Amino acid sequence: MNATAQIGVTGLAVMGRNLARNFARNGYTVAVHNRNAARTRALSDEFGDEGTFIPAESPEECVAAQGL
């Protein structure tokens, strides 16, 4: 992975999605994960202009994106 996320959000329903977007808009690099990979990709595609998202397809990948 090229970038290291400063924080991770798993679960991208309404609350998780808005939380991730808020972090990204405030300058944080955010690792995002949802059990439905299509939802994870949709967040990055739809709101990628708001900040930096690192999409993860598994919980392990989400943790690894944070350098943990």
PDB file of N, CA and C in Angstrom:
ATOM      1  N   MET A   1       0.823  -1.184   0.000  1.00  0.00           N
ATOM      2  CA  MET A   1       0.000   0.000   0.000  1.00  0.00           C
ATOM      3  C   MET A   1       0.869   1.250   0.000  1.00  0.00           C
ATOM      4  N   ASN A   2       0.500   2.226  -0.787  1.00  0.00           N
ATOM      5  CA  ASN A   2       1.283   3.448  -0.889  1.00  0.00           C
ATOM      6  C   ASN A   2       1.013   4.410   0.259  1.00  0.00           C
ATOM      7  N   ALA A   3      -0.230   4.645   0.549  1.00  0.00           N
ATOM      8  CA  ALA A   3      -0.594   5.601   1.601  1.00  0.00           C
ATOM      9  C   ALA A   3      -0.912   4.861   2.885  1.00  0.00           C
ATOM     10  N   THR A   4      -0.710   5.543   3.993  1.00  0.00           N
ATOM     11  CA  THR A   4      -1.092   4.993   5.283  1.00  0.00           C
ATOM     12  C   THR A   4      -2.222   5.838   5.837  1.00  0.00           C
ATOM     13  N   ALA A   5      -3.300   5.174   6.187  1.00  0.00           N
ATOM     14  CA  ALA A   5      -4.458   5.875   6.733  1.00  0.00           C
ATOM     15  C   ALA A   5      -4.176   6.303   8.169  1.00  0.00           C
ATOM     16  N   GLN A   6      -4.738   7.428   8.540  1.00  0.00           N
ATOM     17  CA  GLN A   6      -4.623   7.914   9.910  1.00  0.00           C
ATOM     18  C   GLN A   6      -5.731   7.360  10.788  1.00  0.00           C
ATOM     19  N   ILE A   7      -6.804   6.922  10.134  1.00  0.00           N
ATOM     20  CA  ILE A   7      -7.951   6.378  10.864  1.00  0.00           C
ATOM     21  C   ILE A   7      -8.688   5.429   9.930  1.00  0.00           C
ATOM     22  N   GLY A   8      -9.444   4.503  10.503  1.00  0.00           N
ATOM     23  CA  GLY A   8     -10.218   3.577   9.703  1.00  0.00           C
ATOM     24  C   GLY A   8     -11.675   3.568  10.133  1.00  0.00           C
ATOM     25  N   VAL A   9     -12.545   3.369   9.162  1.00  0.00           N
ATOM     26  CA  VAL A   9     -13.979   3.262   9.437  1.00  0.00           C
ATOM     27  C   VAL A   9     -14.471   1.990   8.762  1.00  0.00           C
ATOM     28  N   THR A  10     -15.079   1.129   9.537  1.00  0.00           N
ATOM     29  CA  THR A  10     -15.688  -0.071   8.978  1.00  0.00           C
ATOM     30  C   THR A  10     -17.189   0.000   9.229  1.00  0.00           C
ATOM     31  N   GLY A  11     -17.935  -0.385   8.222  1.00  0.00           N
ATOM     32  CA  GLY A  11     -19.392  -0.244   8.289  1.00  0.00           C
ATOM     33  C   GLY A  11     -19.784   1.073   7.650  1.00  0.00           C
ATOM     34  N   LEU A  12     -20.187   1.020   6.394  1.00  0.00           N
ATOM     35  CA  LEU A  12     -20.441   2.249   5.645  1.00  0.00           C
ATOM     36  C   LEU A  12     -21.917   2.479   5.363  1.00  0.00           C
ATOM     37  N   ALA A  13     -22.750   2.220   6.369  1.00  0.00           N
ATOM     38  CA  ALA A  13     -24.151   2.623   6.260  1.00  0.00           C
ATOM     39  C   ALA A  13     -24.179   4.130   6.506  1.00  0.00           C
ATOM     40  N   VAL A  14     -25.290   4.688   6.827  1.00  0.00           N
ATOM     41  CA  VAL A  14     -25.425   6.144   6.933  1.00  0.00           C
ATOM     42  C   VAL A  14     -24.411   6.754   7.903  1.00  0.00           C
ATOM     43  N   MET A  15     -24.319   6.247   9.107  1.00  0.00           N
ATOM     44  CA  MET A  15     -23.428   6.855  10.101  1.00  0.00           C
ATOM     45  C   MET A  15     -21.956   6.666   9.739  1.00  0.00           C
ATOM     46  N   GLY A  16     -21.557   5.461   9.367  1.00  0.00           N
ATOM     47  CA  GLY A  16     -20.165   5.210   9.026  1.00  0.00           C
ATOM     48  C   GLY A  16     -19.719   5.989   7.804  1.00  0.00           C
ATOM     49  N   ARG A  17     -20.591   6.060   6.819  1.00  0.00           N
ATOM     50  CA  ARG A  17     -20.285   6.795   5.581  1.00  0.00           C
ATOM     51  C   ARG A  17     -20.078   8.276   5.887  1.00  0.00           C
ATOM     52  N   ASN A  18     -20.967   8.865   6.664  1.00  0.00           N
ATOM     53  CA  ASN A  18     -20.841  10.284   6.998  1.00  0.00           C
ATOM     54  C   ASN A  18     -19.637  10.552   7.898  1.00  0.00           C
ATOM     55  N   LEU A  19     -19.344   9.639   8.799  1.00  0.00           N
ATOM     56  CA  LEU A  19     -18.179   9.777   9.654  1.00  0.00           C
ATOM     57  C   LEU A  19     -16.893   9.759   8.818  1.00  0.00           C
ATOM     58  N   ALA A  20     -16.789   8.806   7.896  1.00  0.00           N
ATOM     59  CA  ALA A  20     -15.617   8.715   7.023  1.00  0.00           C
ATOM     60  C   ALA A  20     -15.463   9.980   6.171  1.00  0.00           C
ATOM     61  N   ARG A  21     -16.558  10.467   5.626  1.00  0.00           N
ATOM     62  CA  ARG A  21     -16.516  11.684   4.807  1.00  0.00           C
ATOM     63  C   ARG A  21     -16.091  12.886   5.635  1.00  0.00           C
ATOM     64  N   ASN A  22     -16.586  12.985   6.867  1.00  0.00           N
ATOM     65  CA  ASN A  22     -16.221  14.094   7.741  1.00  0.00           C
ATOM     66  C   ASN A  22     -14.722  14.068   8.028  1.00  0.00           C
ATOM     67  N   PHE A  23     -14.187  12.899   8.373  1.00  0.00           N
ATOM     68  CA  PHE A  23     -12.744  12.785   8.602  1.00  0.00           C
ATOM     69  C   PHE A  23     -11.968  13.221   7.358  1.00  0.00           C
ATOM     70  N   ALA A  24     -12.373  12.730   6.190  1.00  0.00           N
ATOM     71  CA  ALA A  24     -11.669  13.044   4.942  1.00  0.00           C
ATOM     72  C   ALA A  24     -11.724  14.536   4.627  1.00  0.00           C
ATOM     73  N   ARG A  25     -12.873  15.149   4.821  1.00  0.00           N
ATOM     74  CA  ARG A  25     -12.999  16.596   4.557  1.00  0.00           C
ATOM     75  C   ARG A  25     -12.132  17.426   5.497  1.00  0.00           C
ATOM     76  N   ASN A  26     -11.791  16.855   6.646  1.00  0.00           N
ATOM     77  CA  ASN A  26     -10.965  17.569   7.618  1.00  0.00           C
ATOM     78  C   ASN A  26      -9.498  17.172   7.547  1.00  0.00           C
ATOM     79  N   GLY A  27      -9.102  16.578   6.426  1.00  0.00           N
ATOM     80  CA  GLY A  27      -7.689  16.348   6.153  1.00  0.00           C
ATOM     81  C   GLY A  27      -7.120  15.006   6.566  1.00  0.00           C
ATOM     82  N   TYR A  28      -7.934  14.096   7.070  1.00  0.00           N
ATOM     83  CA  TYR A  28      -7.441  12.777   7.469  1.00  0.00           C
ATOM     84  C   TYR A  28      -7.500  11.816   6.290  1.00  0.00           C
ATOM     85  N   THR A  29      -6.518  10.941   6.193  1.00  0.00           N
ATOM     86  CA  THR A  29      -6.564   9.842   5.235  1.00  0.00           C
ATOM     87  C   THR A  29      -7.316   8.710   5.918  1.00  0.00           C
ATOM     88  N   VAL A  30      -8.382   8.221   5.265  1.00  0.00           N
ATOM     89  CA  VAL A  30      -9.305   7.292   5.909  1.00  0.00           C
ATOM     90  C   VAL A  30      -9.327   5.941   5.189  1.00  0.00           C
ATOM     91  N   ALA A  31      -9.021   4.872   5.911  1.00  0.00           N
ATOM     92  CA  ALA A  31      -9.217   3.516   5.394  1.00  0.00           C
ATOM     93  C   ALA A  31     -10.689   3.191   5.601  1.00  0.00           C
ATOM     94  N   VAL A  32     -11.351   2.730   4.555  1.00  0.00           N
ATOM     95  CA  VAL A  32     -12.779   2.418   4.650  1.00  0.00           C
ATOM     96  C   VAL A  32     -13.034   0.966   4.274  1.00  0.00           C
ATOM     97  N   HIS A  33     -13.961   0.349   4.998  1.00  0.00           N
ATOM     98  CA  HIS A  33     -14.311  -1.050   4.744  1.00  0.00           C
ATOM     99  C   HIS A  33     -15.795  -1.255   5.012  1.00  0.00           C
ATOM    100  N   ASN A  34     -16.389  -2.065   4.190  1.00  0.00           N
ATOM    101  CA  ASN A  34     -17.759  -2.512   4.392  1.00  0.00           C
ATOM    102  C   ASN A  34     -17.816  -3.966   3.959  1.00  0.00           C
ATOM    103  N   ARG A  35     -18.688  -4.749   4.571  1.00  0.00           N
ATOM    104  CA  ARG A  35     -18.759  -6.166   4.190  1.00  0.00           C
ATOM    105  C   ARG A  35     -19.171  -6.333   2.734  1.00  0.00           C
ATOM    106  N   ASN A  36     -19.846  -5.330   2.175  1.00  0.00           N
ATOM    107  CA  ASN A  36     -20.195  -5.309   0.757  1.00  0.00           C
ATOM    108  C   ASN A  36     -19.157  -4.444   0.045  1.00  0.00           C
ATOM    109  N   ALA A  37     -18.251  -5.083  -0.703  1.00  0.00           N
ATOM    110  CA  ALA A  37     -17.154  -4.359  -1.356  1.00  0.00           C
ATOM    111  C   ALA A  37     -17.659  -3.293  -2.328  1.00  0.00           C
ATOM    112  N   ALA A  38     -18.821  -3.511  -2.925  1.00  0.00           N
ATOM    113  CA  ALA A  38     -19.371  -2.522  -3.858  1.00  0.00           C
ATOM    114  C   ALA A  38     -19.676  -1.210  -3.134  1.00  0.00           C
ATOM    115  N   ARG A  39     -20.127  -1.275  -1.895  1.00  0.00           N
ATOM    116  CA  ARG A  39     -20.409  -0.061  -1.125  1.00  0.00           C
ATOM    117  C   ARG A  39     -19.103   0.683  -0.811  1.00  0.00           C
ATOM    118  N   THR A  40     -18.052  -0.074  -0.536  1.00  0.00           N
ATOM    119  CA  THR A  40     -16.750   0.534  -0.268  1.00  0.00           C
ATOM    120  C   THR A  40     -16.254   1.287  -1.500  1.00  0.00           C
ATOM    121  N   ARG A  41     -16.314   0.633  -2.656  1.00  0.00           N
ATOM    122  CA  ARG A  41     -15.880   1.276  -3.905  1.00  0.00           C
ATOM    123  C   ARG A  41     -16.759   2.483  -4.234  1.00  0.00           C
ATOM    124  N   ALA A  42     -18.055   2.379  -3.997  1.00  0.00           N
ATOM    125  CA  ALA A  42     -18.972   3.477  -4.295  1.00  0.00           C
ATOM    126  C   ALA A  42     -18.629   4.724  -3.479  1.00  0.00           C
ATOM    127  N   LEU A  43     -18.269   4.538  -2.219  1.00  0.00           N
ATOM    128  CA  LEU A  43     -17.898   5.686  -1.390  1.00  0.00           C
ATOM    129  C   LEU A  43     -16.682   6.384  -1.978  1.00  0.00           C
ATOM    130  N   SER A  44     -15.655   5.620  -2.335  1.00  0.00           N
ATOM    131  CA  SER A  44     -14.442   6.204  -2.910  1.00  0.00           C
ATOM    132  C   SER A  44     -14.728   6.890  -4.240  1.00  0.00           C
ATOM    133  N   ASP A  45     -15.538   6.245  -5.069  1.00  0.00           N
ATOM    134  CA  ASP A  45     -15.858   6.812  -6.380  1.00  0.00           C
ATOM    135  C   ASP A  45     -16.697   8.075  -6.262  1.00  0.00           C
ATOM    136  N   GLU A  46     -17.681   8.034  -5.398  1.00  0.00           N
ATOM    137  CA  GLU A  46     -18.639   9.135  -5.287  1.00  0.00           C
ATOM    138  C   GLU A  46     -18.090  10.341  -4.522  1.00  0.00           C
ATOM    139  N   PHE A  47     -17.284  10.087  -3.491  1.00  0.00           N
ATOM    140  CA  PHE A  47     -16.842  11.179  -2.625  1.00  0.00           C
ATOM    141  C   PHE A  47     -15.326  11.335  -2.563  1.00  0.00           C
ATOM    142  N   GLY A  48     -14.606  10.726  -3.493  1.00  0.00           N
ATOM    143  CA  GLY A  48     -13.146  10.801  -3.507  1.00  0.00           C
ATOM    144  C   GLY A  48     -12.605  12.214  -3.609  1.00  0.00           C
ATOM    145  N   ASP A  49     -13.406  13.138  -4.112  1.00  0.00           N
ATOM    146  CA  ASP A  49     -12.959  14.532  -4.218  1.00  0.00           C
ATOM    147  C   ASP A  49     -12.980  15.253  -2.866  1.00  0.00           C
ATOM    148  N   GLU A  50     -13.569  14.640  -1.848  1.00  0.00           N
ATOM    149  CA  GLU A  50     -13.651  15.266  -0.526  1.00  0.00           C
ATOM    150  C   GLU A  50     -12.399  15.033   0.313  1.00  0.00           C
ATOM    151  N   GLY A  51     -11.584  14.068  -0.085  1.00  0.00           N
ATOM    152  CA  GLY A  51     -10.385  13.747   0.677  1.00  0.00           C
ATOM    153  C   GLY A  51      -9.818  12.433   0.207  1.00  0.00           C
ATOM    154  N   THR A  52      -8.936  11.858   1.013  1.00  0.00           N
ATOM    155  CA  THR A  52      -8.268  10.617   0.633  1.00  0.00           C
ATOM    156  C   THR A  52      -8.878   9.433   1.364  1.00  0.00           C
ATOM    157  N   PHE A  53      -9.405   8.500   0.569  1.00  0.00           N
ATOM    158  CA  PHE A  53      -9.956   7.256   1.092  1.00  0.00           C
ATOM    159  C   PHE A  53      -9.087   6.113   0.591  1.00  0.00           C
ATOM    160  N   ILE A  54      -8.838   5.143   1.465  1.00  0.00           N
ATOM    161  CA  ILE A  54      -8.146   3.917   1.072  1.00  0.00           C
ATOM    162  C   ILE A  54      -9.165   2.786   1.215  1.00  0.00           C
ATOM    163  N   PRO A  55      -9.720   2.307   0.095  1.00  0.00           N
ATOM    164  CA  PRO A  55     -10.715   1.247   0.179  1.00  0.00           C
ATOM    165  C   PRO A  55     -10.064  -0.089   0.549  1.00  0.00           C
ATOM    166  N   ALA A  56     -10.695  -0.821   1.436  1.00  0.00           N
ATOM    167  CA  ALA A  56     -10.214  -2.134   1.866  1.00  0.00           C
ATOM    168  C   ALA A  56     -11.317  -3.164   1.655  1.00  0.00           C
ATOM    169  N   GLU A  57     -10.940  -4.327   1.183  1.00  0.00           N
ATOM    170  CA  GLU A  57     -11.934  -5.368   0.919  1.00  0.00           C
ATOM    171  C   GLU A  57     -12.116  -6.325   2.084  1.00  0.00           C
ATOM    172  N   SER A  58     -11.275  -6.229   3.106  1.00  0.00           N
ATOM    173  CA  SER A  58     -11.417  -7.101   4.272  1.00  0.00           C
ATOM    174  C   SER A  58     -11.055  -6.308   5.521  1.00  0.00           C
ATOM    175  N   PRO A  59     -11.512  -6.753   6.679  1.00  0.00           N
ATOM    176  CA  PRO A  59     -11.134  -6.064   7.918  1.00  0.00           C
ATOM    177  C   PRO A  59      -9.610  -6.050   8.109  1.00  0.00           C
ATOM    178  N   GLU A  60      -8.962  -7.150   7.723  1.00  0.00           N
ATOM    179  CA  GLU A  60      -7.507  -7.227   7.851  1.00  0.00           C
ATOM    180  C   GLU A  60      -6.809  -6.192   6.971  1.00  0.00           C
ATOM    181  N   GLU A  61      -7.323  -6.001   5.770  1.00  0.00           N
ATOM    182  CA  GLU A  61      -6.751  -5.007   4.857  1.00  0.00           C
ATOM    183  C   GLU A  61      -6.970  -3.598   5.397  1.00  0.00           C
ATOM    184  N   CYS A  62      -8.103  -3.366   6.036  1.00  0.00           N
ATOM    185  CA  CYS A  62      -8.391  -2.061   6.644  1.00  0.00           C
ATOM    186  C   CYS A  62      -7.397  -1.756   7.745  1.00  0.00           C
ATOM    187  N   VAL A  63      -7.121  -2.739   8.590  1.00  0.00           N
ATOM    188  CA  VAL A  63      -6.147  -2.559   9.688  1.00  0.00           C
ATOM    189  C   VAL A  63      -4.758  -2.340   9.103  1.00  0.00           C
ATOM    190  N   ALA A  64      -4.386  -3.114   8.094  1.00  0.00           N
ATOM    191  CA  ALA A  64      -3.069  -2.982   7.473  1.00  0.00           C
ATOM    192  C   ALA A  64      -2.887  -1.612   6.833  1.00  0.00           C
ATOM    193  N   ALA A  65      -3.959  -1.038   6.292  1.00  0.00           N
ATOM    194  CA  ALA A  65      -3.891   0.281   5.662  1.00  0.00           C
ATOM    195  C   ALA A  65      -3.554   1.367   6.682  1.00  0.00           C
ATOM    196  N   GLN A  66      -3.791   1.070   7.952  1.00  0.00           N
ATOM    197  CA  GLN A  66      -3.490   2.020   9.020  1.00  0.00           C
ATOM    198  C   GLN A  66      -2.102   1.804   9.586  1.00  0.00           C
ATOM    199  N   GLY A  67      -1.361   0.873   8.999  1.00  0.00           N
ATOM    200  CA  GLY A  67      -0.005   0.602   9.438  1.00  0.00           C
ATOM    201  C   GLY A  67       0.056  -0.102  10.788  1.00  0.00           C
ATOM    202  N   LEU A  68      -1.019  -0.770  11.148  1.00  0.00           N
ATOM    203  CA  LEU A  68      -1.061  -1.470  12.443  1.00  0.00           C
ATOM    204  C   LEU A  68      -0.706  -2.930  12.287  1.00  0.00           C
TER     205      LEU A  68
END
